[in-house]
């Protein structure tokens, strides 16, 4: 490899490192989750209160525990939504495509948001 190849590799690695640090530095802890079915908002739940919530007529079960949200069960064939794990940072989303459901974390609570749960 030539000197310019090493410079290009170092520059790419530096850009990736800066982007990674910027994304992680500006992450905001989540305050609540918004549940949408077919793109329509159907529920909001605070991450500060533990509970289990049936969603979309019981096709999915949302669990909120210790400030993290995750799906414990789903009627979809592949259960990818259940395997997505726990979310707690603003902007993170769990999606169940077969059931047309999304659960998205949002940051600081606002006065115009009515939380359920």
PDB file of N, CA and C in Angstrom:
ATOM      1  N   UNK A   1       0.843  -1.189   0.000  1.00  0.00           N
ATOM      2  CA  UNK A   1       0.000   0.000   0.000  1.00  0.00           C
ATOM      3  C   UNK A   1       0.882   1.244   0.000  1.00  0.00           C
ATOM      4  N   UNK A   2       0.363   2.242  -0.662  1.00  0.00           N
ATOM      5  CA  UNK A   2       1.098   3.496  -0.753  1.00  0.00           C
ATOM      6  C   UNK A   2       0.721   4.404   0.410  1.00  0.00           C
ATOM      7  N   UNK A   3       1.504   5.440   0.566  1.00  0.00           N
ATOM      8  CA  UNK A   3       1.295   6.398   1.651  1.00  0.00           C
ATOM      9  C   UNK A   3      -0.095   7.030   1.570  1.00  0.00           C
ATOM     10  N   UNK A   4      -0.554   7.348   0.377  1.00  0.00           N
ATOM     11  CA  UNK A   4      -1.874   7.980   0.203  1.00  0.00           C
ATOM     12  C   UNK A   4      -3.006   7.031   0.610  1.00  0.00           C
ATOM     13  N   UNK A   5      -2.818   5.728   0.409  1.00  0.00           N
ATOM     14  CA  UNK A   5      -3.821   4.750   0.842  1.00  0.00           C
ATOM     15  C   UNK A   5      -3.982   4.790   2.356  1.00  0.00           C
ATOM     16  N   UNK A   6      -2.858   4.845   3.064  1.00  0.00           N
ATOM     17  CA  UNK A   6      -2.908   4.897   4.531  1.00  0.00           C
ATOM     18  C   UNK A   6      -3.554   6.199   5.014  1.00  0.00           C
ATOM     19  N   UNK A   7      -3.278   7.282   4.328  1.00  0.00           N
ATOM     20  CA  UNK A   7      -3.896   8.566   4.695  1.00  0.00           C
ATOM     21  C   UNK A   7      -5.402   8.503   4.481  1.00  0.00           C
ATOM     22  N   UNK A   8      -5.835   7.915   3.389  1.00  0.00           N
ATOM     23  CA  UNK A   8      -7.274   7.771   3.120  1.00  0.00           C
ATOM     24  C   UNK A   8      -7.941   6.896   4.172  1.00  0.00           C
ATOM     25  N   UNK A   9      -7.325   5.778   4.519  1.00  0.00           N
ATOM     26  CA  UNK A   9      -7.879   4.890   5.551  1.00  0.00           C
ATOM     27  C   UNK A   9      -7.973   5.613   6.886  1.00  0.00           C
ATOM     28  N   UNK A  10      -6.931   6.346   7.260  1.00  0.00           N
ATOM     29  CA  UNK A  10      -6.933   7.088   8.532  1.00  0.00           C
ATOM     30  C   UNK A  10      -8.023   8.155   8.533  1.00  0.00           C
ATOM     31  N   UNK A  11      -8.219   8.834   7.403  1.00  0.00           N
ATOM     32  CA  UNK A  11      -9.248   9.874   7.323  1.00  0.00           C
ATOM     33  C   UNK A  11     -10.643   9.276   7.457  1.00  0.00           C
ATOM     34  N   UNK A  12     -10.872   8.151   6.798  1.00  0.00           N
ATOM     35  CA  UNK A  12     -12.181   7.493   6.901  1.00  0.00           C
ATOM     36  C   UNK A  12     -12.441   7.038   8.330  1.00  0.00           C
ATOM     37  N   UNK A  13     -11.444   6.441   8.966  1.00  0.00           N
ATOM     38  CA  UNK A  13     -11.600   6.009  10.359  1.00  0.00           C
ATOM     39  C   UNK A  13     -11.861   7.196  11.282  1.00  0.00           C
ATOM     40  N   UNK A  14     -11.207   8.326  11.032  1.00  0.00           N
ATOM     41  CA  UNK A  14     -11.426   9.521  11.857  1.00  0.00           C
ATOM     42  C   UNK A  14     -12.854  10.037  11.702  1.00  0.00           C
ATOM     43  N   UNK A  15     -13.363  10.051  10.479  1.00  0.00           N
ATOM     44  CA  UNK A  15     -14.739  10.509  10.241  1.00  0.00           C
ATOM     45  C   UNK A  15     -15.730   9.576  10.934  1.00  0.00           C
ATOM     46  N   UNK A  16     -15.508   8.272  10.842  1.00  0.00           N
ATOM     47  CA  UNK A  16     -16.393   7.300  11.494  1.00  0.00           C
ATOM     48  C   UNK A  16     -16.351   7.490  13.004  1.00  0.00           C
ATOM     49  N   UNK A  17     -15.175   7.681  13.571  1.00  0.00           N
ATOM     50  CA  UNK A  17     -15.046   7.877  15.019  1.00  0.00           C
ATOM     51  C   UNK A  17     -15.757   9.152  15.468  1.00  0.00           C
ATOM     52  N   UNK A  18     -15.583  10.232  14.746  1.00  0.00           N
ATOM     53  CA  UNK A  18     -16.243  11.493  15.099  1.00  0.00           C
ATOM     54  C   UNK A  18     -17.763  11.338  15.009  1.00  0.00           C
ATOM     55  N   UNK A  19     -18.260  10.679  13.968  1.00  0.00           N
ATOM     56  CA  UNK A  19     -19.704  10.470  13.829  1.00  0.00           C
ATOM     57  C   UNK A  19     -20.238   9.613  14.969  1.00  0.00           C
ATOM     58  N   UNK A  20     -19.526   8.552  15.319  1.00  0.00           N
ATOM     59  CA  UNK A  20     -19.950   7.681  16.415  1.00  0.00           C
ATOM     60  C   UNK A  20     -20.007   8.451  17.736  1.00  0.00           C
ATOM     61  N   UNK A  21     -18.974   9.235  18.023  1.00  0.00           N
ATOM     62  CA  UNK A  21     -18.961  10.014  19.270  1.00  0.00           C
ATOM     63  C   UNK A  21     -20.055  11.066  19.283  1.00  0.00           C
ATOM     64  N   UNK A  22     -20.311  11.704  18.147  1.00  0.00           N
ATOM     65  CA  UNK A  22     -21.358  12.726  18.082  1.00  0.00           C
ATOM     66  C   UNK A  22     -22.726  12.123  18.337  1.00  0.00           C
ATOM     67  N   UNK A  23     -22.996  10.976  17.749  1.00  0.00           N
ATOM     68  CA  UNK A  23     -24.290  10.324  17.937  1.00  0.00           C
ATOM     69  C   UNK A  23     -24.474   9.933  19.398  1.00  0.00           C
ATOM     70  N   UNK A  24     -23.466   9.352  19.996  1.00  0.00           N
ATOM     71  CA  UNK A  24     -23.580   8.919  21.393  1.00  0.00           C
ATOM     72  C   UNK A  24     -23.567  10.076  22.370  1.00  0.00           C
ATOM     73  N   UNK A  25     -22.889  11.163  22.047  1.00  0.00           N
ATOM     74  CA  UNK A  25     -22.831  12.319  22.935  1.00  0.00           C
ATOM     75  C   UNK A  25     -24.171  13.038  23.007  1.00  0.00           C
ATOM     76  N   UNK A  26     -24.883  13.086  21.890  1.00  0.00           N
ATOM     77  CA  UNK A  26     -26.133  13.825  21.844  1.00  0.00           C
ATOM     78  C   UNK A  26     -27.365  12.975  22.111  1.00  0.00           C
ATOM     79  N   UNK A  27     -27.190  11.723  22.494  1.00  0.00           N
ATOM     80  CA  UNK A  27     -28.348  10.894  22.830  1.00  0.00           C
ATOM     81  C   UNK A  27     -29.031  11.438  24.075  1.00  0.00           C
ATOM     82  N   UNK A  28     -30.340  11.383  24.039  1.00  0.00           N
ATOM     83  CA  UNK A  28     -31.141  11.872  25.160  1.00  0.00           C
ATOM     84  C   UNK A  28     -31.886  10.689  25.778  1.00  0.00           C
ATOM     85  N   UNK A  29     -31.886  10.631  27.101  1.00  0.00           N
ATOM     86  CA  UNK A  29     -32.655   9.584  27.764  1.00  0.00           C
ATOM     87  C   UNK A  29     -34.124   9.749  27.437  1.00  0.00           C
ATOM     88  N   UNK A  30     -34.800   8.644  27.258  1.00  0.00           N
ATOM     89  CA  UNK A  30     -36.212   8.682  26.940  1.00  0.00           C
ATOM     90  C   UNK A  30     -37.064   8.963  28.157  1.00  0.00           C
ATOM     91  N   UNK A  31     -38.221   9.600  27.934  1.00  0.00           N
ATOM     92  CA  UNK A  31     -39.166   9.895  29.001  1.00  0.00           C
ATOM     93  C   UNK A  31     -40.475   9.127  28.807  1.00  0.00           C
ATOM     94  N   UNK A  32     -40.833   8.873  27.554  1.00  0.00           N
ATOM     95  CA  UNK A  32     -42.078   8.167  27.276  1.00  0.00           C
ATOM     96  C   UNK A  32     -41.992   7.491  25.917  1.00  0.00           C
ATOM     97  N   UNK A  33     -42.900   6.550  25.687  1.00  0.00           N
ATOM     98  CA  UNK A  33     -42.988   5.894  24.389  1.00  0.00           C
ATOM     99  C   UNK A  33     -44.335   6.217  23.757  1.00  0.00           C
ATOM    100  N   UNK A  34     -44.324   6.284  22.439  1.00  0.00           N
ATOM    101  CA  UNK A  34     -45.549   6.493  21.671  1.00  0.00           C
ATOM    102  C   UNK A  34     -45.762   5.241  20.827  1.00  0.00           C
ATOM    103  N   UNK A  35     -46.968   4.690  20.915  1.00  0.00           N
ATOM    104  CA  UNK A  35     -47.326   3.489  20.164  1.00  0.00           C
ATOM    105  C   UNK A  35     -48.184   3.921  18.979  1.00  0.00           C
ATOM    106  N   UNK A  36     -47.799   3.438  17.791  1.00  0.00           N
ATOM    107  CA  UNK A  36     -48.571   3.732  16.580  1.00  0.00           C
ATOM    108  C   UNK A  36     -48.943   2.429  15.894  1.00  0.00           C
ATOM    109  N   UNK A  37     -50.181   2.374  15.406  1.00  0.00           N
ATOM    110  CA  UNK A  37     -50.661   1.249  14.604  1.00  0.00           C
ATOM    111  C   UNK A  37     -51.147   1.843  13.292  1.00  0.00           C
ATOM    112  N   UNK A  38     -50.661   1.318  12.190  1.00  0.00           N
ATOM    113  CA  UNK A  38     -50.970   1.863  10.862  1.00  0.00           C
ATOM    114  C   UNK A  38     -50.638   3.349  10.776  1.00  0.00           C
ATOM    115  N   UNK A  39     -49.609   3.786  11.493  1.00  0.00           N
ATOM    116  CA  UNK A  39     -49.187   5.181  11.469  1.00  0.00           C
ATOM    117  C   UNK A  39     -49.999   6.111  12.339  1.00  0.00           C
ATOM    118  N   UNK A  40     -51.041   5.606  12.981  1.00  0.00           N
ATOM    119  CA  UNK A  40     -51.883   6.432  13.846  1.00  0.00           C
ATOM    120  C   UNK A  40     -51.496   6.213  15.301  1.00  0.00           C
ATOM    121  N   UNK A  41     -51.317   7.304  16.018  1.00  0.00           N
ATOM    122  CA  UNK A  41     -50.952   7.229  17.427  1.00  0.00           C
ATOM    123  C   UNK A  41     -52.112   6.655  18.232  1.00  0.00           C
ATOM    124  N   UNK A  42     -51.843   5.575  18.970  1.00  0.00           N
ATOM    125  CA  UNK A  42     -52.903   4.936  19.743  1.00  0.00           C
ATOM    126  C   UNK A  42     -52.657   4.983  21.241  1.00  0.00           C
ATOM    127  N   UNK A  43     -51.407   5.218  21.675  1.00  0.00           N
ATOM    128  CA  UNK A  43     -51.136   5.250  23.112  1.00  0.00           C
ATOM    129  C   UNK A  43     -49.797   5.903  23.393  1.00  0.00           C
ATOM    130  N   UNK A  44     -49.667   6.434  24.609  1.00  0.00           N
ATOM    131  CA  UNK A  44     -48.412   6.976  25.131  1.00  0.00           C
ATOM    132  C   UNK A  44     -48.243   6.434  26.543  1.00  0.00           C
ATOM    133  N   UNK A  45     -47.039   5.983  26.846  1.00  0.00           N
ATOM    134  CA  UNK A  45     -46.763   5.442  28.173  1.00  0.00           C
ATOM    135  C   UNK A  45     -45.472   6.037  28.711  1.00  0.00           C
ATOM    136  N   UNK A  46     -45.466   6.380  29.977  1.00  0.00           N
ATOM    137  CA  UNK A  46     -44.279   6.897  30.627  1.00  0.00           C
ATOM    138  C   UNK A  46     -43.287   5.764  30.870  1.00  0.00           C
ATOM    139  N   UNK A  47     -42.014   6.043  30.659  1.00  0.00           N
ATOM    140  CA  UNK A  47     -40.979   5.050  30.956  1.00  0.00           C
ATOM    141  C   UNK A  47     -40.662   4.985  32.447  1.00  0.00           C
ATOM    142  N   UNK A  48     -41.207   5.917  33.207  1.00  0.00           N
ATOM    143  CA  UNK A  48     -40.924   5.935  34.640  1.00  0.00           C
ATOM    144  C   UNK A  48     -41.860   5.040  35.443  1.00  0.00           C
ATOM    145  N   UNK A  49     -42.888   4.479  34.784  1.00  0.00           N
ATOM    146  CA  UNK A  49     -43.827   3.599  35.491  1.00  0.00           C
ATOM    147  C   UNK A  49     -43.821   2.218  34.857  1.00  0.00           C
ATOM    148  N   UNK A  50     -43.522   1.204  35.670  1.00  0.00           N
ATOM    149  CA  UNK A  50     -43.493  -0.172  35.185  1.00  0.00           C
ATOM    150  C   UNK A  50     -44.901  -0.660  34.871  1.00  0.00           C
ATOM    151  N   UNK A  51     -45.014  -1.522  33.865  1.00  0.00           N
ATOM    152  CA  UNK A  51     -46.308  -2.101  33.533  1.00  0.00           C
ATOM    153  C   UNK A  51     -46.244  -2.929  32.269  1.00  0.00           C
ATOM    154  N   UNK A  52     -47.314  -3.697  32.037  1.00  0.00           N
ATOM    155  CA  UNK A  52     -47.476  -4.463  30.803  1.00  0.00           C
ATOM    156  C   UNK A  52     -48.751  -3.998  30.129  1.00  0.00           C
ATOM    157  N   UNK A  53     -48.672  -3.801  28.816  1.00  0.00           N
ATOM    158  CA  UNK A  53     -49.783  -3.230  28.082  1.00  0.00           C
ATOM    159  C   UNK A  53     -50.044  -4.043  26.815  1.00  0.00           C
ATOM    160  N   UNK A  54     -51.258  -4.581  26.651  1.00  0.00           N
ATOM    161  CA  UNK A  54     -51.590  -5.242  25.385  1.00  0.00           C
ATOM    162  C   UNK A  54     -51.794  -4.172  24.305  1.00  0.00           C
ATOM    163  N   UNK A  55     -51.218  -4.402  23.145  1.00  0.00           N
ATOM    164  CA  UNK A  55     -51.300  -3.439  22.055  1.00  0.00           C
ATOM    165  C   UNK A  55     -51.981  -4.061  20.847  1.00  0.00           C
ATOM    166  N   UNK A  56     -52.618  -3.230  20.062  1.00  0.00           N
ATOM    167  CA  UNK A  56     -53.180  -3.645  18.782  1.00  0.00           C
ATOM    168  C   UNK A  56     -54.116  -4.843  18.953  1.00  0.00           C
ATOM    169  N   UNK A  57     -55.009  -4.753  19.912  1.00  0.00           N
ATOM    170  CA  UNK A  57     -55.965  -5.837  20.152  1.00  0.00           C
ATOM    171  C   UNK A  57     -55.333  -7.079  20.758  1.00  0.00           C
ATOM    172  N   UNK A  58     -54.182  -6.917  21.373  1.00  0.00           N
ATOM    173  CA  UNK A  58     -53.509  -8.045  22.013  1.00  0.00           C
ATOM    174  C   UNK A  58     -52.501  -8.761  21.135  1.00  0.00           C
ATOM    175  N   UNK A  59     -52.255  -8.243  19.913  1.00  0.00           N
ATOM    176  CA  UNK A  59     -51.286  -8.903  19.040  1.00  0.00           C
ATOM    177  C   UNK A  59     -49.864  -8.767  19.563  1.00  0.00           C
ATOM    178  N   UNK A  60     -49.599  -7.714  20.326  1.00  0.00           N
ATOM    179  CA  UNK A  60     -48.284  -7.480  20.913  1.00  0.00           C
ATOM    180  C   UNK A  60     -48.464  -7.102  22.375  1.00  0.00           C
ATOM    181  N   UNK A  61     -47.499  -7.462  23.199  1.00  0.00           N
ATOM    182  CA  UNK A  61     -47.501  -7.077  24.609  1.00  0.00           C
ATOM    183  C   UNK A  61     -46.272  -6.214  24.860  1.00  0.00           C
ATOM    184  N   UNK A  62     -46.505  -4.952  25.270  1.00  0.00           N
ATOM    185  CA  UNK A  62     -45.434  -4.022  25.595  1.00  0.00           C
ATOM    186  C   UNK A  62     -45.168  -4.079  27.080  1.00  0.00           C
ATOM    187  N   UNK A  63     -43.907  -4.215  27.448  1.00  0.00           N
ATOM    188  CA  UNK A  63     -43.508  -4.207  28.851  1.00  0.00           C
ATOM    189  C   UNK A  63     -42.596  -3.006  29.078  1.00  0.00           C
ATOM    190  N   UNK A  64     -42.893  -2.260  30.130  1.00  0.00           N
ATOM    191  CA  UNK A  64     -42.018  -1.163  30.548  1.00  0.00           C
ATOM    192  C   UNK A  64     -41.521  -1.521  31.936  1.00  0.00           C
ATOM    193  N   UNK A  65     -40.199  -1.596  32.053  1.00  0.00           N
ATOM    194  CA  UNK A  65     -39.597  -1.993  33.321  1.00  0.00           C
ATOM    195  C   UNK A  65     -38.262  -1.275  33.494  1.00  0.00           C
ATOM    196  N   UNK A  66     -38.089  -0.632  34.618  1.00  0.00           N
ATOM    197  CA  UNK A  66     -36.849   0.062  34.969  1.00  0.00           C
ATOM    198  C   UNK A  66     -36.429   1.075  33.892  1.00  0.00           C
ATOM    199  N   UNK A  67     -37.393   1.791  33.332  1.00  0.00           N
ATOM    200  CA  UNK A  67     -37.102   2.833  32.362  1.00  0.00           C
ATOM    201  C   UNK A  67     -36.815   2.340  30.961  1.00  0.00           C
ATOM    202  N   UNK A  68     -37.056   1.076  30.693  1.00  0.00           N
ATOM    203  CA  UNK A  68     -36.826   0.501  29.367  1.00  0.00           C
ATOM    204  C   UNK A  68     -38.111  -0.127  28.858  1.00  0.00           C
ATOM    205  N   UNK A  69     -38.331  -0.031  27.549  1.00  0.00           N
ATOM    206  CA  UNK A  69     -39.522  -0.603  26.932  1.00  0.00           C
ATOM    207  C   UNK A  69     -39.102  -1.720  25.990  1.00  0.00           C
ATOM    208  N   UNK A  70     -39.898  -2.781  25.959  1.00  0.00           N
ATOM    209  CA  UNK A  70     -39.643  -3.894  25.052  1.00  0.00           C
ATOM    210  C   UNK A  70     -40.917  -4.693  24.860  1.00  0.00           C
ATOM    211  N   UNK A  71     -40.963  -5.443  23.763  1.00  0.00           N
ATOM    212  CA  UNK A  71     -42.104  -6.305  23.497  1.00  0.00           C
ATOM    213  C   UNK A  71     -41.796  -7.697  24.035  1.00  0.00           C
ATOM    214  N   UNK A  72     -42.725  -8.240  24.820  1.00  0.00           N
ATOM    215  CA  UNK A  72     -42.508  -9.566  25.398  1.00  0.00           C
ATOM    216  C   UNK A  72     -43.117 -10.670  24.563  1.00  0.00           C
ATOM    217  N   UNK A  73     -44.149 -10.340  23.779  1.00  0.00           N
ATOM    218  CA  UNK A  73     -44.747 -11.356  22.915  1.00  0.00           C
ATOM    219  C   UNK A  73     -45.421 -10.680  21.730  1.00  0.00           C
ATOM    220  N   UNK A  74     -45.580 -11.475  20.662  1.00  0.00           N
ATOM    221  CA  UNK A  74     -46.217 -10.976  19.450  1.00  0.00           C
ATOM    222  C   UNK A  74     -46.784 -12.152  18.674  1.00  0.00           C
ATOM    223  N   UNK A  75     -47.819 -11.873  17.878  1.00  0.00           N
ATOM    224  CA  UNK A  75     -48.436 -12.925  17.075  1.00  0.00           C
ATOM    225  C   UNK A  75     -47.806 -13.048  15.693  1.00  0.00           C
ATOM    226  N   UNK A  76     -46.812 -12.236  15.403  1.00  0.00           N
ATOM    227  CA  UNK A  76     -46.175 -12.301  14.083  1.00  0.00           C
ATOM    228  C   UNK A  76     -45.346 -13.585  13.968  1.00  0.00           C
ATOM    229  N   UNK A  77     -45.124 -14.067  12.749  1.00  0.00           N
ATOM    230  CA  UNK A  77     -44.470 -15.366  12.576  1.00  0.00           C
ATOM    231  C   UNK A  77     -42.986 -15.396  12.943  1.00  0.00           C
ATOM    232  N   UNK A  78     -42.259 -14.298  12.763  1.00  0.00           N
ATOM    233  CA  UNK A  78     -40.816 -14.351  12.974  1.00  0.00           C
ATOM    234  C   UNK A  78     -40.356 -13.785  14.323  1.00  0.00           C
ATOM    235  N   UNK A  79     -41.195 -13.059  15.028  1.00  0.00           N
ATOM    236  CA  UNK A  79     -40.907 -12.480  16.345  1.00  0.00           C
ATOM    237  C   UNK A  79     -39.678 -11.572  16.352  1.00  0.00           C
ATOM    238  N   UNK A  80     -39.386 -10.931  15.220  1.00  0.00           N
ATOM    239  CA  UNK A  80     -38.259 -10.009  15.177  1.00  0.00           C
ATOM    240  C   UNK A  80     -38.451  -8.833  16.130  1.00  0.00           C
ATOM    241  N   UNK A  81     -39.686  -8.387  16.289  1.00  0.00           N
ATOM    242  CA  UNK A  81     -39.959  -7.258  17.175  1.00  0.00           C
ATOM    243  C   UNK A  81     -39.632  -7.604  18.628  1.00  0.00           C
ATOM    244  N   UNK A  82     -39.881  -8.838  19.020  1.00  0.00           N
ATOM    245  CA  UNK A  82     -39.576  -9.279  20.379  1.00  0.00           C
ATOM    246  C   UNK A  82     -38.063  -9.363  20.569  1.00  0.00           C
ATOM    247  N   UNK A  83     -37.359  -9.757  19.516  1.00  0.00           N
ATOM    248  CA  UNK A  83     -35.908  -9.914  19.594  1.00  0.00           C
ATOM    249  C   UNK A  83     -35.137  -8.614  19.417  1.00  0.00           C
ATOM    250  N   UNK A  84     -35.828  -7.501  19.170  1.00  0.00           N
ATOM    251  CA  UNK A  84     -35.134  -6.224  19.015  1.00  0.00           C
ATOM    252  C   UNK A  84     -34.568  -5.709  20.323  1.00  0.00           C
ATOM    253  N   UNK A  85     -35.035  -6.232  21.430  1.00  0.00           N
ATOM    254  CA  UNK A  85     -34.467  -5.853  22.723  1.00  0.00           C
ATOM    255  C   UNK A  85     -35.135  -4.646  23.345  1.00  0.00           C
ATOM    256  N   UNK A  86     -34.460  -4.122  24.363  1.00  0.00           N
ATOM    257  CA  UNK A  86     -35.001  -3.019  25.153  1.00  0.00           C
ATOM    258  C   UNK A  86     -34.540  -1.686  24.580  1.00  0.00           C
ATOM    259  N   UNK A  87     -35.448  -0.705  24.635  1.00  0.00           N
ATOM    260  CA  UNK A  87     -35.132   0.639  24.155  1.00  0.00           C
ATOM    261  C   UNK A  87     -35.379   1.638  25.276  1.00  0.00           C
ATOM    262  N   UNK A  88     -34.518   2.666  25.356  1.00  0.00           N
ATOM    263  CA  UNK A  88     -34.695   3.695  26.379  1.00  0.00           C
ATOM    264  C   UNK A  88     -34.126   5.052  25.973  1.00  0.00           C
ATOM    265  N   UNK A  89     -33.528   5.154  24.793  1.00  0.00           N
ATOM    266  CA  UNK A  89     -32.957   6.413  24.323  1.00  0.00           C
ATOM    267  C   UNK A  89     -33.896   7.062  23.312  1.00  0.00           C
ATOM    268  N   UNK A  90     -33.989   8.377  23.370  1.00  0.00           N
ATOM    269  CA  UNK A  90     -34.855   9.113  22.458  1.00  0.00           C
ATOM    270  C   UNK A  90     -34.505   8.778  21.017  1.00  0.00           C
ATOM    271  N   UNK A  91     -35.536   8.458  20.231  1.00  0.00           N
ATOM    272  CA  UNK A  91     -35.349   8.132  18.831  1.00  0.00           C
ATOM    273  C   UNK A  91     -35.306   6.645  18.536  1.00  0.00           C
ATOM    274  N   UNK A  92     -35.111   5.816  19.540  1.00  0.00           N
ATOM    275  CA  UNK A  92     -35.087   4.374  19.311  1.00  0.00           C
ATOM    276  C   UNK A  92     -36.501   3.868  19.045  1.00  0.00           C
ATOM    277  N   UNK A  93     -36.610   2.859  18.185  1.00  0.00           N
ATOM    278  CA  UNK A  93     -37.914   2.353  17.775  1.00  0.00           C
ATOM    279  C   UNK A  93     -37.902   0.837  17.693  1.00  0.00           C
ATOM    280  N   UNK A  94     -39.005   0.237  18.100  1.00  0.00           N
ATOM    281  CA  UNK A  94     -39.263  -1.180  17.864  1.00  0.00           C
ATOM    282  C   UNK A  94     -40.388  -1.232  16.831  1.00  0.00           C
ATOM    283  N   UNK A  95     -40.204  -2.050  15.805  1.00  0.00           N
ATOM    284  CA  UNK A  95     -41.184  -2.143  14.733  1.00  0.00           C
ATOM    285  C   UNK A  95     -41.634  -3.579  14.545  1.00  0.00           C
ATOM    286  N   UNK A  96     -42.938  -3.789  14.432  1.00  0.00           N
ATOM    287  CA  UNK A  96     -43.506  -5.092  14.092  1.00  0.00           C
ATOM    288  C   UNK A  96     -44.249  -4.907  12.769  1.00  0.00           C
ATOM    289  N   UNK A  97     -43.592  -5.254  11.678  1.00  0.00           N
ATOM    290  CA  UNK A  97     -44.189  -5.032  10.359  1.00  0.00           C
ATOM    291  C   UNK A  97     -45.463  -5.829  10.125  1.00  0.00           C
ATOM    292  N   UNK A  98     -45.512  -7.129  10.461  1.00  0.00           N
ATOM    293  CA  UNK A  98     -46.752  -7.875  10.200  1.00  0.00           C
ATOM    294  C   UNK A  98     -47.972  -7.293  10.922  1.00  0.00           C
ATOM    295  N   UNK A  99     -47.756  -6.752  12.124  1.00  0.00           N
ATOM    296  CA  UNK A  99     -48.869  -6.176  12.889  1.00  0.00           C
ATOM    297  C   UNK A  99     -48.977  -4.663  12.718  1.00  0.00           C
ATOM    298  N   UNK A 100     -48.144  -4.074  11.832  1.00  0.00           N
ATOM    299  CA  UNK A 100     -48.180  -2.642  11.524  1.00  0.00           C
ATOM    300  C   UNK A 100     -48.060  -1.779  12.772  1.00  0.00           C
ATOM    301  N   UNK A 101     -47.144  -2.140  13.671  1.00  0.00           N
ATOM    302  CA  UNK A 101     -47.010  -1.480  14.970  1.00  0.00           C
ATOM    303  C   UNK A 101     -45.607  -0.918  15.137  1.00  0.00           C
ATOM    304  N   UNK A 102     -45.515   0.302  15.698  1.00  0.00           N
ATOM    305  CA  UNK A 102     -44.225   0.858  16.084  1.00  0.00           C
ATOM    306  C   UNK A 102     -44.314   1.392  17.505  1.00  0.00           C
ATOM    307  N   UNK A 103     -43.220   1.261  18.225  1.00  0.00           N
ATOM    308  CA  UNK A 103     -43.077   1.827  19.567  1.00  0.00           C
ATOM    309  C   UNK A 103     -41.829   2.693  19.514  1.00  0.00           C
ATOM    310  N   UNK A 104     -41.983   4.005  19.730  1.00  0.00           N
ATOM    311  CA  UNK A 104     -40.875   4.944  19.606  1.00  0.00           C
ATOM    312  C   UNK A 104     -40.669   5.678  20.922  1.00  0.00           C
ATOM    313  N   UNK A 105     -39.409   5.831  21.310  1.00  0.00           N
ATOM    314  CA  UNK A 105     -39.053   6.547  22.536  1.00  0.00           C
ATOM    315  C   UNK A 105     -38.864   8.024  22.212  1.00  0.00           C
ATOM    316  N   UNK A 106     -39.398   8.874  23.079  1.00  0.00           N
ATOM    317  CA  UNK A 106     -39.221  10.315  22.974  1.00  0.00           C
ATOM    318  C   UNK A 106     -38.597  10.823  24.256  1.00  0.00           C
ATOM    319  N   UNK A 107     -37.907  11.964  24.138  1.00  0.00           N
ATOM    320  CA  UNK A 107     -37.168  12.539  25.255  1.00  0.00           C
ATOM    321  C   UNK A 107     -38.043  13.243  26.252  1.00  0.00           C
ATOM    322  N   UNK A 108     -37.543  14.377  26.722  1.00  0.00           N
ATOM    323  CA  UNK A 108     -38.171  15.122  27.808  1.00  0.00           C
ATOM    324  C   UNK A 108     -39.662  15.306  27.582  1.00  0.00           C
ATOM    325  N   UNK A 109     -40.408  15.096  28.647  1.00  0.00           N
ATOM    326  CA  UNK A 109     -41.856  15.238  28.581  1.00  0.00           C
ATOM    327  C   UNK A 109     -42.218  16.703  28.358  1.00  0.00           C
ATOM    328  N   UNK A 110     -43.255  16.915  27.579  1.00  0.00           N
ATOM    329  CA  UNK A 110     -43.751  18.269  27.350  1.00  0.00           C
ATOM    330  C   UNK A 110     -45.110  18.408  28.005  1.00  0.00           C
ATOM    331  N   UNK A 111     -45.524  19.646  28.208  1.00  0.00           N
ATOM    332  CA  UNK A 111     -46.791  19.914  28.895  1.00  0.00           C
ATOM    333  C   UNK A 111     -48.007  19.464  28.098  1.00  0.00           C
ATOM    334  N   UNK A 112     -47.871  19.386  26.774  1.00  0.00           N
ATOM    335  CA  UNK A 112     -49.032  19.026  25.958  1.00  0.00           C
ATOM    336  C   UNK A 112     -49.139  17.527  25.713  1.00  0.00           C
ATOM    337  N   UNK A 113     -48.339  16.754  26.382  1.00  0.00           N
ATOM    338  CA  UNK A 113     -48.392  15.303  26.231  1.00  0.00           C
ATOM    339  C   UNK A 113     -49.100  14.699  27.429  1.00  0.00           C
ATOM    340  N   UNK A 114     -50.163  13.953  27.159  1.00  0.00           N
ATOM    341  CA  UNK A 114     -50.891  13.276  28.223  1.00  0.00           C
ATOM    342  C   UNK A 114     -50.415  11.837  28.264  1.00  0.00           C
ATOM    343  N   UNK A 115     -49.776  11.453  29.351  1.00  0.00           N
ATOM    344  CA  UNK A 115     -49.212  10.120  29.467  1.00  0.00           C
ATOM    345  C   UNK A 115     -50.225   9.156  30.060  1.00  0.00           C
ATOM    346  N   UNK A 116     -50.200   7.934  29.577  1.00  0.00           N
ATOM    347  CA  UNK A 116     -51.068   6.877  30.073  1.00  0.00           C
ATOM    348  C   UNK A 116     -50.230   5.956  30.923  1.00  0.00           C
ATOM    349  N   UNK A 117     -50.825   5.414  31.980  1.00  0.00           N
ATOM    350  CA  UNK A 117     -50.102   4.410  32.755  1.00  0.00           C
ATOM    351  C   UNK A 117     -49.496   4.902  33.943  1.00  0.00           C
TER     352      UNK A 117
END
